[in-house]
Amino acid sequence: MQRFILFRVIQAIFTIFVIGTLVFFFMRLSGDPVTLMVPIDAEPETIEAIKIEFGLDKPLLVQYGYFVKNAITGDFGVSFKMDEPALALVAERFPATLELAVTAALLAWLVGIPLGLISAITRDSLFDRFGKAFALFGQATPSFWLGVMLMLFFGVQLDMLPIAGREEPGSLIMPAVTISLIMLASVMRLARSAMLDALNSEFVVMARIKGIRRFQINMIHAFKNASIPLVTLMSMQISRLLMGAVIAETIFSWPGVGKLALDSVYSRDFPVVQVVVLFSAIIFCTINILVDILYAYIDPRIRY
């Protein structure tokens, strides 16, 4: 197990390095950020001075060398647009993204998993049919459309919830619901299918023959084995959320990492985009390692 974890850590470091290299060069292909920072009639001397200030006057490979050297020490440069350290800007926005991600994920999991399990246990019942229809609706509903509809109905028509920002207590509700619906539908469908597979397995049939109580069979024997694909899906969902829920953060002006990344891409703010991408890669790799370790504890048959 220790060798496996060490191998995965080395693999993650290599992956993060490759992603950092790719984002560095791809961002440079998007154009010159200085053209967005100066007026159209700016003097060539002014443009050159700004390039020198941000180190954009040097050859590309030299810039890359400085980027790698500084990144190792945690220095990702200063934002071109906001004139603040890029890492500090992302760290400042991360609590808002974390708050939104945790709320949306808990809402999706606490509702989706029980609904999926009940649908599997009561297969082909009225509840199961309603659950399948609800899951289909949730996965087919675009997040941007749902966000706008919630804003128009609860924010404009009923004036019950704030439509933007993070200052008021109710500001979290609509963005979290917007994100969680498609997550809830995915979790519900996977929980149902995984639970059905577990309920039809031989060890569950044997448990029934032995006369073990139905609740114990469903929640201990069947659900434990059905949880492996659920853990995989949930880890992917929380990784995507922590990288920034761009659509919801943009619609509701939520001051998170996703909105910061989108604004930075539009303004070609290289340092901020690089920090966001690297930060996202670190989160994704870390969660994947933790999930791999968790597999062995959920199912003792899994050995690395």
C-alpha atoms as a PDB file:
ATOM      1  CA  MET A   1       0.000   0.000   0.000  1.00  0.00           C
ATOM      2  CA  GLN A   2       2.834   2.395   0.857  1.00  0.00           C
ATOM      3  CA  ARG A   3       4.527   1.733  -2.487  1.00  0.00           C
ATOM      4  CA  PHE A   4       1.256   2.395  -4.278  1.00  0.00           C
ATOM      5  CA  ILE A   5       0.723   5.705  -2.483  1.00  0.00           C
ATOM      6  CA  LEU A   6       4.312   6.771  -3.210  1.00  0.00           C
ATOM      7  CA  PHE A   7       3.878   5.882  -6.875  1.00  0.00           C
ATOM      8  CA  ARG A   8       0.628   7.859  -7.068  1.00  0.00           C
ATOM      9  CA  VAL A   9       2.242  10.895  -5.416  1.00  0.00           C
ATOM     10  CA  ILE A  10       5.105  10.829  -7.935  1.00  0.00           C
ATOM     11  CA  GLN A  11       2.590  10.393 -10.735  1.00  0.00           C
ATOM     12  CA  ALA A  12       0.582  13.345  -9.424  1.00  0.00           C
ATOM     13  CA  ILE A  13       3.662  15.588  -9.280  1.00  0.00           C
ATOM     14  CA  PHE A  14       4.514  14.695 -12.881  1.00  0.00           C
ATOM     15  CA  THR A  15       0.897  15.320 -13.949  1.00  0.00           C
ATOM     16  CA  ILE A  16       0.833  18.737 -12.275  1.00  0.00           C
ATOM     17  CA  PHE A  17       4.142  19.641 -13.954  1.00  0.00           C
ATOM     18  CA  VAL A  18       2.807  18.675 -17.394  1.00  0.00           C
ATOM     19  CA  ILE A  19      -0.441  20.589 -16.839  1.00  0.00           C
ATOM     20  CA  GLY A  20       1.487  23.655 -15.696  1.00  0.00           C
ATOM     21  CA  THR A  21       3.654  23.502 -18.817  1.00  0.00           C
ATOM     22  CA  LEU A  22       0.650  23.140 -21.116  1.00  0.00           C
ATOM     23  CA  VAL A  23      -1.288  26.028 -19.570  1.00  0.00           C
ATOM     24  CA  PHE A  24       1.801  28.250 -19.747  1.00  0.00           C
ATOM     25  CA  PHE A  25       2.272  27.774 -23.495  1.00  0.00           C
ATOM     26  CA  PHE A  26      -1.438  27.619 -24.411  1.00  0.00           C
ATOM     27  CA  MET A  27      -2.120  30.926 -22.663  1.00  0.00           C
ATOM     28  CA  ARG A  28       0.642  32.553 -24.710  1.00  0.00           C
ATOM     29  CA  LEU A  29      -1.089  31.343 -27.873  1.00  0.00           C
ATOM     30  CA  SER A  30      -4.214  33.338 -26.917  1.00  0.00           C
ATOM     31  CA  GLY A  31      -2.536  36.649 -27.750  1.00  0.00           C
ATOM     32  CA  ASP A  32      -0.641  39.513 -26.212  1.00  0.00           C
ATOM     33  CA  PRO A  33      -2.225  40.652 -22.913  1.00  0.00           C
ATOM     34  CA  VAL A  34      -0.636  44.098 -23.203  1.00  0.00           C
ATOM     35  CA  THR A  35      -2.983  44.958 -26.092  1.00  0.00           C
ATOM     36  CA  LEU A  36      -5.901  44.673 -23.651  1.00  0.00           C
ATOM     37  CA  MET A  37      -4.163  46.774 -21.004  1.00  0.00           C
ATOM     38  CA  VAL A  38      -3.399  49.907 -23.023  1.00  0.00           C
ATOM     39  CA  PRO A  39      -5.485  52.262 -25.180  1.00  0.00           C
ATOM     40  CA  ILE A  40      -5.589  51.697 -28.931  1.00  0.00           C
ATOM     41  CA  ASP A  41      -3.486  54.804 -29.569  1.00  0.00           C
ATOM     42  CA  ALA A  42      -0.828  53.929 -26.963  1.00  0.00           C
ATOM     43  CA  GLU A  43       2.744  54.797 -27.839  1.00  0.00           C
ATOM     44  CA  PRO A  44       5.142  51.914 -28.652  1.00  0.00           C
ATOM     45  CA  GLU A  45       7.351  53.058 -25.770  1.00  0.00           C
ATOM     46  CA  THR A  46       4.445  52.632 -23.337  1.00  0.00           C
ATOM     47  CA  ILE A  47       3.701  49.139 -24.622  1.00  0.00           C
ATOM     48  CA  GLU A  48       7.347  48.137 -24.366  1.00  0.00           C
ATOM     49  CA  ALA A  49       7.589  49.504 -20.820  1.00  0.00           C
ATOM     50  CA  ILE A  50       4.606  47.404 -19.713  1.00  0.00           C
ATOM     51  CA  LYS A  51       6.105  44.288 -21.313  1.00  0.00           C
ATOM     52  CA  ILE A  52       9.348  44.888 -19.452  1.00  0.00           C
ATOM     53  CA  GLU A  53       7.460  45.394 -16.182  1.00  0.00           C
ATOM     54  CA  PHE A  54       5.719  42.017 -16.444  1.00  0.00           C
ATOM     55  CA  GLY A  55       8.658  40.193 -18.027  1.00  0.00           C
ATOM     56  CA  LEU A  56       6.878  39.698 -21.351  1.00  0.00           C
ATOM     57  CA  ASP A  57       9.747  41.156 -23.342  1.00  0.00           C
ATOM     58  CA  LYS A  58      11.943  38.081 -22.800  1.00  0.00           C
ATOM     59  CA  PRO A  59      11.999  35.023 -25.112  1.00  0.00           C
ATOM     60  CA  LEU A  60       9.286  32.468 -24.444  1.00  0.00           C
ATOM     61  CA  LEU A  61      11.623  29.754 -23.154  1.00  0.00           C
ATOM     62  CA  VAL A  62      13.238  32.243 -20.781  1.00  0.00           C
ATOM     63  CA  GLN A  63       9.787  33.193 -19.469  1.00  0.00           C
ATOM     64  CA  TYR A  64       9.008  29.490 -19.003  1.00  0.00           C
ATOM     65  CA  GLY A  65      12.233  28.973 -17.066  1.00  0.00           C
ATOM     66  CA  TYR A  66      11.363  31.820 -14.715  1.00  0.00           C
ATOM     67  CA  PHE A  67       7.829  30.447 -14.367  1.00  0.00           C
ATOM     68  CA  VAL A  68       9.039  26.980 -13.304  1.00  0.00           C
ATOM     69  CA  LYS A  69      11.688  28.384 -10.970  1.00  0.00           C
ATOM     70  CA  ASN A  70       9.291  30.774  -9.238  1.00  0.00           C
ATOM     71  CA  ALA A  71       6.416  28.270  -9.109  1.00  0.00           C
ATOM     72  CA  ILE A  72       8.554  25.851  -7.089  1.00  0.00           C
ATOM     73  CA  THR A  73       8.912  28.538  -4.419  1.00  0.00           C
ATOM     74  CA  GLY A  74       5.203  29.422  -4.568  1.00  0.00           C
ATOM     75  CA  ASP A  75       5.653  32.646  -6.513  1.00  0.00           C
ATOM     76  CA  PHE A  76       3.246  32.713  -9.465  1.00  0.00           C
ATOM     77  CA  GLY A  77       3.677  36.359 -10.315  1.00  0.00           C
ATOM     78  CA  VAL A  78       1.415  39.381 -10.120  1.00  0.00           C
ATOM     79  CA  SER A  79      -1.974  39.675 -11.804  1.00  0.00           C
ATOM     80  CA  PHE A  80      -1.775  41.843 -14.917  1.00  0.00           C
ATOM     81  CA  LYS A  81      -5.283  43.160 -14.341  1.00  0.00           C
ATOM     82  CA  MET A  82      -5.476  43.622 -10.553  1.00  0.00           C
ATOM     83  CA  ASP A  83      -1.798  44.205  -9.759  1.00  0.00           C
ATOM     84  CA  GLU A  84      -1.908  41.764  -6.836  1.00  0.00           C
ATOM     85  CA  PRO A  85      -0.151  38.413  -6.281  1.00  0.00           C
ATOM     86  CA  ALA A  86      -2.012  35.808  -8.345  1.00  0.00           C
ATOM     87  CA  LEU A  87      -1.845  33.175  -5.599  1.00  0.00           C
ATOM     88  CA  ALA A  88      -3.338  35.590  -3.068  1.00  0.00           C
ATOM     89  CA  LEU A  89      -6.232  36.377  -5.414  1.00  0.00           C
ATOM     90  CA  VAL A  90      -7.106  32.704  -5.847  1.00  0.00           C
ATOM     91  CA  ALA A  91      -6.739  32.030  -2.111  1.00  0.00           C
ATOM     92  CA  GLU A  92      -9.073  34.948  -1.398  1.00  0.00           C
ATOM     93  CA  ARG A  93     -11.751  33.556  -3.723  1.00  0.00           C
ATOM     94  CA  PHE A  94     -11.434  29.909  -2.694  1.00  0.00           C
ATOM     95  CA  PRO A  95     -13.560  30.101   0.523  1.00  0.00           C
ATOM     96  CA  ALA A  96     -16.554  31.258  -1.545  1.00  0.00           C
ATOM     97  CA  THR A  97     -16.089  28.365  -3.974  1.00  0.00           C
ATOM     98  CA  LEU A  98     -15.616  25.917  -1.096  1.00  0.00           C
ATOM     99  CA  GLU A  99     -18.814  27.134   0.576  1.00  0.00           C
ATOM    100  CA  LEU A 100     -20.798  26.751  -2.639  1.00  0.00           C
ATOM    101  CA  ALA A 101     -19.230  23.380  -3.499  1.00  0.00           C
ATOM    102  CA  VAL A 102     -19.821  21.806  -0.088  1.00  0.00           C
ATOM    103  CA  THR A 103     -23.424  23.033   0.070  1.00  0.00           C
ATOM    104  CA  ALA A 104     -24.274  21.821  -3.437  1.00  0.00           C
ATOM    105  CA  ALA A 105     -22.537  18.482  -2.916  1.00  0.00           C
ATOM    106  CA  LEU A 106     -24.231  17.777   0.418  1.00  0.00           C
ATOM    107  CA  LEU A 107     -27.606  18.692  -1.036  1.00  0.00           C
ATOM    108  CA  ALA A 108     -27.071  16.370  -3.998  1.00  0.00           C
ATOM    109  CA  TRP A 109     -25.698  13.458  -1.997  1.00  0.00           C
ATOM    110  CA  LEU A 110     -28.049  13.620   0.991  1.00  0.00           C
ATOM    111  CA  VAL A 111     -31.060  13.633  -1.329  1.00  0.00           C
ATOM    112  CA  GLY A 112     -29.795  11.672  -4.335  1.00  0.00           C
ATOM    113  CA  ILE A 113     -28.343   8.625  -2.561  1.00  0.00           C
ATOM    114  CA  PRO A 114     -31.445   7.813  -0.427  1.00  0.00           C
ATOM    115  CA  LEU A 115     -33.739   8.327  -3.440  1.00  0.00           C
ATOM    116  CA  GLY A 116     -31.582   6.028  -5.572  1.00  0.00           C
ATOM    117  CA  LEU A 117     -31.473   3.333  -2.889  1.00  0.00           C
ATOM    118  CA  ILE A 118     -35.227   3.454  -2.303  1.00  0.00           C
ATOM    119  CA  SER A 119     -35.840   3.273  -6.064  1.00  0.00           C
ATOM    120  CA  ALA A 120     -33.665   0.150  -6.286  1.00  0.00           C
ATOM    121  CA  ILE A 121     -35.284  -1.523  -3.283  1.00  0.00           C
ATOM    122  CA  THR A 122     -38.806  -0.745  -4.588  1.00  0.00           C
ATOM    123  CA  ARG A 123     -37.992  -1.522  -8.216  1.00  0.00           C
ATOM    124  CA  ASP A 124     -40.775  -0.867 -10.770  1.00  0.00           C
ATOM    125  CA  SER A 125     -42.982   0.749  -8.136  1.00  0.00           C
ATOM    126  CA  LEU A 126     -44.638   4.148  -8.561  1.00  0.00           C
ATOM    127  CA  PHE A 127     -41.845   5.732  -6.532  1.00  0.00           C
ATOM    128  CA  ASP A 128     -39.224   4.123  -8.770  1.00  0.00           C
ATOM    129  CA  ARG A 129     -40.919   5.404 -11.924  1.00  0.00           C
ATOM    130  CA  PHE A 130     -41.166   8.900 -10.500  1.00  0.00           C
ATOM    131  CA  GLY A 131     -37.519   8.739  -9.436  1.00  0.00           C
ATOM    132  CA  LYS A 132     -36.361   7.709 -12.896  1.00  0.00           C
ATOM    133  CA  ALA A 133     -38.365  10.522 -14.475  1.00  0.00           C
ATOM    134  CA  PHE A 134     -36.965  13.037 -11.992  1.00  0.00           C
ATOM    135  CA  ALA A 135     -33.384  11.857 -12.641  1.00  0.00           C
ATOM    136  CA  LEU A 136     -33.918  12.157 -16.387  1.00  0.00           C
ATOM    137  CA  PHE A 137     -35.291  15.680 -15.957  1.00  0.00           C
ATOM    138  CA  GLY A 138     -32.376  16.666 -13.735  1.00  0.00           C
ATOM    139  CA  GLN A 139     -29.732  15.467 -16.172  1.00  0.00           C
ATOM    140  CA  ALA A 140     -31.486  17.060 -19.153  1.00  0.00           C
ATOM    141  CA  THR A 141     -31.917  20.496 -17.554  1.00  0.00           C
ATOM    142  CA  PRO A 142     -29.167  22.964 -18.526  1.00  0.00           C
ATOM    143  CA  SER A 143     -27.634  24.642 -15.489  1.00  0.00           C
ATOM    144  CA  PHE A 144     -27.625  28.096 -17.077  1.00  0.00           C
ATOM    145  CA  TRP A 145     -31.363  27.845 -17.882  1.00  0.00           C
ATOM    146  CA  LEU A 146     -32.229  26.597 -14.387  1.00  0.00           C
ATOM    147  CA  GLY A 147     -30.203  29.395 -12.799  1.00  0.00           C
ATOM    148  CA  VAL A 148     -31.959  32.075 -14.850  1.00  0.00           C
ATOM    149  CA  MET A 149     -35.399  30.571 -14.118  1.00  0.00           C
ATOM    150  CA  LEU A 150     -34.719  30.446 -10.377  1.00  0.00           C
ATOM    151  CA  MET A 151     -33.497  34.008 -10.474  1.00  0.00           C
ATOM    152  CA  LEU A 152     -36.577  35.229 -12.350  1.00  0.00           C
ATOM    153  CA  PHE A 153     -39.071  33.348 -10.165  1.00  0.00           C
ATOM    154  CA  PHE A 154     -37.635  33.515  -6.640  1.00  0.00           C
ATOM    155  CA  GLY A 155     -35.551  36.640  -7.047  1.00  0.00           C
ATOM    156  CA  VAL A 156     -37.643  38.885  -9.310  1.00  0.00           C
ATOM    157  CA  GLN A 157     -41.259  37.679  -9.182  1.00  0.00           C
ATOM    158  CA  LEU A 158     -41.477  36.590  -5.533  1.00  0.00           C
ATOM    159  CA  ASP A 159     -38.579  38.720  -4.265  1.00  0.00           C
ATOM    160  CA  MET A 160     -37.734  35.984  -1.757  1.00  0.00           C
ATOM    161  CA  LEU A 161     -34.025  35.508  -2.417  1.00  0.00           C
ATOM    162  CA  PRO A 162     -31.152  37.797  -3.438  1.00  0.00           C
ATOM    163  CA  ILE A 163     -30.294  37.372  -7.103  1.00  0.00           C
ATOM    164  CA  ALA A 164     -26.559  38.104  -6.935  1.00  0.00           C
ATOM    165  CA  GLY A 165     -23.572  38.427  -4.646  1.00  0.00           C
ATOM    166  CA  ARG A 166     -22.621  36.707  -1.421  1.00  0.00           C
ATOM    167  CA  GLU A 167     -23.429  39.315   1.208  1.00  0.00           C
ATOM    168  CA  GLU A 168     -26.939  38.201   2.270  1.00  0.00           C
ATOM    169  CA  PRO A 169     -27.693  34.921   4.101  1.00  0.00           C
ATOM    170  CA  GLY A 170     -29.976  33.599   1.357  1.00  0.00           C
ATOM    171  CA  SER A 171     -27.493  34.273  -1.440  1.00  0.00           C
ATOM    172  CA  LEU A 172     -26.213  30.703  -1.309  1.00  0.00           C
ATOM    173  CA  ILE A 173     -29.543  28.959  -1.958  1.00  0.00           C
ATOM    174  CA  MET A 174     -30.121  29.518  -5.675  1.00  0.00           C
ATOM    175  CA  PRO A 175     -26.510  28.915  -6.821  1.00  0.00           C
ATOM    176  CA  ALA A 176     -26.340  25.720  -4.761  1.00  0.00           C
ATOM    177  CA  VAL A 177     -29.639  24.400  -6.151  1.00  0.00           C
ATOM    178  CA  THR A 178     -28.566  25.285  -9.688  1.00  0.00           C
ATOM    179  CA  ILE A 179     -25.392  23.238  -9.362  1.00  0.00           C
ATOM    180  CA  SER A 180     -26.796  20.379  -7.306  1.00  0.00           C
ATOM    181  CA  LEU A 181     -29.710  19.362  -9.567  1.00  0.00           C
ATOM    182  CA  ILE A 182     -27.639  17.653 -12.249  1.00  0.00           C
ATOM    183  CA  MET A 183     -25.354  16.194  -9.557  1.00  0.00           C
ATOM    184  CA  LEU A 184     -28.364  14.868  -7.661  1.00  0.00           C
ATOM    185  CA  ALA A 185     -29.742  13.236 -10.807  1.00  0.00           C
ATOM    186  CA  SER A 186     -26.413  11.559 -11.604  1.00  0.00           C
ATOM    187  CA  VAL A 187     -25.962  10.293  -8.052  1.00  0.00           C
ATOM    188  CA  MET A 188     -29.528   9.022  -7.926  1.00  0.00           C
ATOM    189  CA  ARG A 189     -29.236   7.061 -11.188  1.00  0.00           C
ATOM    190  CA  LEU A 190     -25.887   5.539 -10.266  1.00  0.00           C
ATOM    191  CA  ALA A 191     -27.035   4.676  -6.729  1.00  0.00           C
ATOM    192  CA  ARG A 192     -30.069   2.901  -8.181  1.00  0.00           C
ATOM    193  CA  SER A 193     -28.135   0.888 -10.772  1.00  0.00           C
ATOM    194  CA  ALA A 194     -25.293   0.001  -8.382  1.00  0.00           C
ATOM    195  CA  MET A 195     -27.755  -1.051  -5.680  1.00  0.00           C
ATOM    196  CA  LEU A 196     -29.691  -3.222  -8.157  1.00  0.00           C
ATOM    197  CA  ASP A 197     -26.471  -4.999  -9.151  1.00  0.00           C
ATOM    198  CA  ALA A 198     -25.619  -5.588  -5.496  1.00  0.00           C
ATOM    199  CA  LEU A 199     -29.103  -6.851  -4.647  1.00  0.00           C
ATOM    200  CA  ASN A 200     -28.905  -9.402  -7.483  1.00  0.00           C
ATOM    201  CA  SER A 201     -25.485 -10.707  -6.443  1.00  0.00           C
ATOM    202  CA  GLU A 202     -24.933 -14.164  -4.983  1.00  0.00           C
ATOM    203  CA  PHE A 203     -23.874 -13.047  -1.512  1.00  0.00           C
ATOM    204  CA  VAL A 204     -27.128 -11.104  -1.074  1.00  0.00           C
ATOM    205  CA  VAL A 205     -29.158 -14.133  -2.189  1.00  0.00           C
ATOM    206  CA  MET A 206     -27.248 -16.237   0.337  1.00  0.00           C
ATOM    207  CA  ALA A 207     -27.939 -13.674   3.068  1.00  0.00           C
ATOM    208  CA  ARG A 208     -31.652 -13.888   2.292  1.00  0.00           C
ATOM    209  CA  ILE A 209     -31.546 -17.679   2.492  1.00  0.00           C
ATOM    210  CA  LYS A 210     -29.908 -17.419   5.908  1.00  0.00           C
ATOM    211  CA  GLY A 211     -32.833 -15.307   7.090  1.00  0.00           C
ATOM    212  CA  ILE A 212     -30.922 -12.113   7.728  1.00  0.00           C
ATOM    213  CA  ARG A 213     -33.166  -9.103   8.172  1.00  0.00           C
ATOM    214  CA  ARG A 214     -33.979  -7.174   5.024  1.00  0.00           C
ATOM    215  CA  PHE A 215     -32.746  -3.861   6.419  1.00  0.00           C
ATOM    216  CA  GLN A 216     -29.389  -5.405   7.334  1.00  0.00           C
ATOM    217  CA  ILE A 217     -29.056  -6.960   3.873  1.00  0.00           C
ATOM    218  CA  ASN A 218     -29.859  -3.710   2.096  1.00  0.00           C
ATOM    219  CA  MET A 219     -27.866  -1.244   4.177  1.00  0.00           C
ATOM    220  CA  ILE A 220     -24.858  -3.333   5.262  1.00  0.00           C
ATOM    221  CA  HIS A 221     -24.250  -5.999   2.642  1.00  0.00           C
ATOM    222  CA  ALA A 222     -25.682  -4.490  -0.542  1.00  0.00           C
ATOM    223  CA  PHE A 223     -25.053  -0.785  -0.001  1.00  0.00           C
ATOM    224  CA  LYS A 224     -21.427  -1.282   1.046  1.00  0.00           C
ATOM    225  CA  ASN A 225     -20.663  -2.959  -2.274  1.00  0.00           C
ATOM    226  CA  ALA A 226     -22.749  -0.435  -4.216  1.00  0.00           C
ATOM    227  CA  SER A 227     -20.820   2.456  -2.672  1.00  0.00           C
ATOM    228  CA  ILE A 228     -17.615   1.957  -4.712  1.00  0.00           C
ATOM    229  CA  PRO A 229     -18.937   3.476  -7.970  1.00  0.00           C
ATOM    230  CA  LEU A 230     -20.690   6.141  -5.900  1.00  0.00           C
ATOM    231  CA  VAL A 231     -17.431   7.158  -4.243  1.00  0.00           C
ATOM    232  CA  THR A 232     -15.841   7.477  -7.684  1.00  0.00           C
ATOM    233  CA  LEU A 233     -18.645   9.688  -8.993  1.00  0.00           C
ATOM    234  CA  MET A 234     -18.750  11.814  -5.847  1.00  0.00           C
ATOM    235  CA  SER A 235     -14.991  12.408  -5.947  1.00  0.00           C
ATOM    236  CA  MET A 236     -15.252  13.593  -9.555  1.00  0.00           C
ATOM    237  CA  GLN A 237     -18.145  15.876  -8.673  1.00  0.00           C
ATOM    238  CA  ILE A 238     -16.440  17.530  -5.726  1.00  0.00           C
ATOM    239  CA  SER A 239     -13.245  17.943  -7.771  1.00  0.00           C
ATOM    240  CA  ARG A 240     -15.142  19.783 -10.499  1.00  0.00           C
ATOM    241  CA  LEU A 241     -16.920  21.961  -7.951  1.00  0.00           C
ATOM    242  CA  LEU A 242     -13.735  22.934  -6.145  1.00  0.00           C
ATOM    243  CA  MET A 243     -12.228  23.913  -9.473  1.00  0.00           C
ATOM    244  CA  GLY A 244     -15.005  26.472  -9.728  1.00  0.00           C
ATOM    245  CA  ALA A 245     -18.641  26.223 -10.767  1.00  0.00           C
ATOM    246  CA  VAL A 246     -18.243  28.697 -13.608  1.00  0.00           C
ATOM    247  CA  ILE A 247     -21.847  28.846 -14.829  1.00  0.00           C
ATOM    248  CA  ALA A 248     -23.498  29.367 -11.439  1.00  0.00           C
ATOM    249  CA  GLU A 249     -20.801  31.758 -10.231  1.00  0.00           C
ATOM    250  CA  THR A 250     -21.189  33.838 -13.390  1.00  0.00           C
ATOM    251  CA  ILE A 251     -25.004  33.921 -13.382  1.00  0.00           C
ATOM    252  CA  PHE A 252     -25.281  34.822  -9.699  1.00  0.00           C
ATOM    253  CA  SER A 253     -22.100  36.950  -9.540  1.00  0.00           C
ATOM    254  CA  TRP A 254     -20.739  34.590  -6.907  1.00  0.00           C
ATOM    255  CA  PRO A 255     -17.183  35.709  -6.053  1.00  0.00           C
ATOM    256  CA  GLY A 256     -15.542  32.324  -6.446  1.00  0.00           C
ATOM    257  CA  VAL A 257     -12.598  30.802  -8.276  1.00  0.00           C
ATOM    258  CA  GLY A 258     -14.647  29.895 -11.353  1.00  0.00           C
ATOM    259  CA  LYS A 259     -15.724  33.468 -12.028  1.00  0.00           C
ATOM    260  CA  LEU A 260     -12.192  34.700 -11.368  1.00  0.00           C
ATOM    261  CA  ALA A 261     -10.819  32.176 -13.875  1.00  0.00           C
ATOM    262  CA  LEU A 262     -13.350  33.157 -16.536  1.00  0.00           C
ATOM    263  CA  ASP A 263     -12.641  36.880 -16.112  1.00  0.00           C
ATOM    264  CA  SER A 264      -8.905  36.182 -16.215  1.00  0.00           C
ATOM    265  CA  VAL A 265      -9.171  34.190 -19.442  1.00  0.00           C
ATOM    266  CA  TYR A 266     -11.074  37.048 -21.096  1.00  0.00           C
ATOM    267  CA  SER A 267      -8.449  39.585 -19.988  1.00  0.00           C
ATOM    268  CA  ARG A 268      -5.496  37.245 -20.729  1.00  0.00           C
ATOM    269  CA  ASP A 269      -4.335  37.505 -17.148  1.00  0.00           C
ATOM    270  CA  PHE A 270      -1.716  34.746 -17.469  1.00  0.00           C
ATOM    271  CA  PRO A 271      -0.577  34.480 -13.820  1.00  0.00           C
ATOM    272  CA  VAL A 272      -4.096  34.086 -12.430  1.00  0.00           C
ATOM    273  CA  VAL A 273      -5.132  31.490 -15.027  1.00  0.00           C
ATOM    274  CA  GLN A 274      -1.952  29.522 -14.356  1.00  0.00           C
ATOM    275  CA  VAL A 275      -2.601  29.504 -10.605  1.00  0.00           C
ATOM    276  CA  VAL A 276      -6.235  28.425 -11.057  1.00  0.00           C
ATOM    277  CA  VAL A 277      -5.318  25.556 -13.393  1.00  0.00           C
ATOM    278  CA  LEU A 278      -2.456  24.334 -11.203  1.00  0.00           C
ATOM    279  CA  PHE A 279      -4.590  24.658  -8.079  1.00  0.00           C
ATOM    280  CA  SER A 280      -7.336  22.632  -9.782  1.00  0.00           C
ATOM    281  CA  ALA A 281      -4.847  19.966 -10.844  1.00  0.00           C
ATOM    282  CA  ILE A 282      -3.528  19.644  -7.292  1.00  0.00           C
ATOM    283  CA  ILE A 283      -7.073  19.244  -5.930  1.00  0.00           C
ATOM    284  CA  PHE A 284      -7.989  16.664  -8.566  1.00  0.00           C
ATOM    285  CA  CYS A 285      -4.843  14.580  -8.031  1.00  0.00           C
ATOM    286  CA  THR A 286      -5.168  14.721  -4.232  1.00  0.00           C
ATOM    287  CA  ILE A 287      -8.793  13.601  -4.261  1.00  0.00           C
ATOM    288  CA  ASN A 288      -7.978  10.762  -6.673  1.00  0.00           C
ATOM    289  CA  ILE A 289      -5.245   9.472  -4.333  1.00  0.00           C
ATOM    290  CA  LEU A 290      -7.585   9.646  -1.321  1.00  0.00           C
ATOM    291  CA  VAL A 291     -10.320   7.803  -3.228  1.00  0.00           C
ATOM    292  CA  ASP A 292      -7.912   5.028  -4.255  1.00  0.00           C
ATOM    293  CA  ILE A 293      -6.958   4.579  -0.604  1.00  0.00           C
ATOM    294  CA  LEU A 294     -10.616   4.597   0.420  1.00  0.00           C
ATOM    295  CA  TYR A 295     -11.415   1.789  -2.057  1.00  0.00           C
ATOM    296  CA  ALA A 296      -9.312  -0.672  -0.079  1.00  0.00           C
ATOM    297  CA  TYR A 297     -11.228   0.087   3.115  1.00  0.00           C
ATOM    298  CA  ILE A 298     -14.651  -0.137   1.483  1.00  0.00           C
ATOM    299  CA  ASP A 299     -13.895  -3.437  -0.227  1.00  0.00           C
ATOM    300  CA  PRO A 300     -11.110  -5.548   1.404  1.00  0.00           C
ATOM    301  CA  ARG A 301     -10.850  -7.575  -1.821  1.00  0.00           C
ATOM    302  CA  ILE A 302      -9.194  -4.592  -3.501  1.00  0.00           C
ATOM    303  CA  ARG A 303      -5.438  -4.777  -3.201  1.00  0.00           C
ATOM    304  CA  TYR A 304      -2.838  -2.588  -4.858  1.00  0.00           C
END
